């Protein structure tokens, strides 16, 4: 999954929203955005907005609910890019 074409871009989007107690190097495909990375709901919304801007896609509420892990987020991004 770390070789996924959008993995590094998503990492760059997530990194600024990580709290100080989370080491960015520990973020992996199976990292849960809220439970493992301690990203709060306000920052989660910011991440979604950044993903929309960066990939020029539109995410609905249902898409956001599916984005529990980094891998899930990549799956949603792929789905939106392949089915505009």
Protein backbone atom coordinates (compact mmCIF):
# COMPACT_ATOMS: atom_id res chain seq x y z
CA UNK A 1 0.00 0.00 0.00
CA UNK A 2 2.93 2.36 0.61
CA UNK A 3 3.63 2.05 -3.10
CA UNK A 4 0.13 3.30 -3.92
CA UNK A 5 0.42 6.24 -6.33
CA UNK A 6 -1.42 8.61 -3.98
CA UNK A 7 0.05 7.39 -0.68
CA UNK A 8 2.73 10.07 -0.36
CA UNK A 9 0.30 12.83 -1.31
CA UNK A 10 -2.17 11.67 1.32
CA UNK A 11 0.66 11.48 3.87
CA UNK A 12 1.54 15.11 3.10
CA UNK A 13 -2.09 16.13 3.56
CA UNK A 14 -2.44 14.30 6.90
CA UNK A 15 0.92 15.32 8.41
CA UNK A 16 0.06 18.94 9.40
CA UNK A 17 -3.01 17.74 11.30
CA UNK A 18 -1.24 15.20 13.48
CA UNK A 19 -1.06 16.16 17.15
CA UNK A 20 2.39 16.67 18.64
CA UNK A 21 2.27 13.30 20.42
CA UNK A 22 1.99 11.36 17.13
CA UNK A 23 5.20 10.62 15.24
CA UNK A 24 4.54 11.17 11.52
CA UNK A 25 6.82 8.23 10.73
CA UNK A 26 4.38 5.87 12.46
CA UNK A 27 1.57 6.65 10.01
CA UNK A 28 0.87 3.64 7.84
CA UNK A 29 -1.90 2.24 5.65
CA UNK A 30 -3.60 0.56 8.62
CA UNK A 31 -3.45 3.65 10.83
CA UNK A 32 -6.91 4.69 11.96
CA UNK A 33 -7.30 8.42 11.47
CA UNK A 34 -9.14 9.08 14.72
CA UNK A 35 -8.25 6.19 17.05
CA UNK A 36 -4.55 5.77 16.20
CA UNK A 37 -3.55 9.19 14.91
CA UNK A 38 -5.70 11.20 17.33
CA UNK A 39 -7.02 13.43 14.58
CA UNK A 40 -9.99 15.38 15.94
CA UNK A 41 -13.21 15.86 14.01
CA UNK A 42 -12.41 19.45 12.99
CA UNK A 43 -9.08 18.39 11.53
CA UNK A 44 -10.73 15.42 9.84
CA UNK A 45 -12.98 17.86 8.00
CA UNK A 46 -9.89 19.88 7.02
CA UNK A 47 -8.23 16.72 5.70
CA UNK A 48 -11.32 15.92 3.63
CA UNK A 49 -11.34 19.44 2.19
CA UNK A 50 -7.64 19.22 1.38
CA UNK A 51 -8.17 15.83 -0.31
CA UNK A 52 -11.00 17.30 -2.39
CA UNK A 53 -8.82 20.22 -3.47
CA UNK A 54 -5.69 18.20 -4.18
CA UNK A 55 -7.39 15.46 -6.17
CA UNK A 56 -10.17 17.64 -7.64
CA UNK A 57 -12.89 15.31 -6.34
CA UNK A 58 -16.05 15.77 -4.29
CA UNK A 59 -16.51 13.66 -1.15
CA UNK A 60 -19.98 13.06 0.25
CA UNK A 61 -20.83 12.29 3.88
CA UNK A 62 -20.95 8.56 3.10
CA UNK A 63 -17.43 8.75 1.66
CA UNK A 64 -16.18 10.42 4.82
CA UNK A 65 -17.72 7.67 6.93
CA UNK A 66 -15.76 5.09 4.93
CA UNK A 67 -12.44 6.82 5.60
CA UNK A 68 -11.53 5.14 8.88
CA UNK A 69 -7.93 4.29 7.96
CA UNK A 70 -5.31 5.68 5.61
CA UNK A 71 -5.94 2.69 3.30
CA UNK A 72 -9.69 3.38 3.39
CA UNK A 73 -9.04 6.99 2.40
CA UNK A 74 -6.91 5.84 -0.53
CA UNK A 75 -9.72 3.51 -1.60
CA UNK A 76 -12.24 6.34 -1.55
CA UNK A 77 -9.87 8.59 -3.50
CA UNK A 78 -9.35 5.86 -6.11
CA UNK A 79 -13.08 5.26 -6.37
CA UNK A 80 -13.77 8.95 -6.95
CA UNK A 81 -10.96 9.37 -9.47
CA UNK A 82 -12.06 6.30 -11.43
CA UNK A 83 -15.78 7.15 -11.30
CA UNK A 84 -16.09 10.94 -11.51
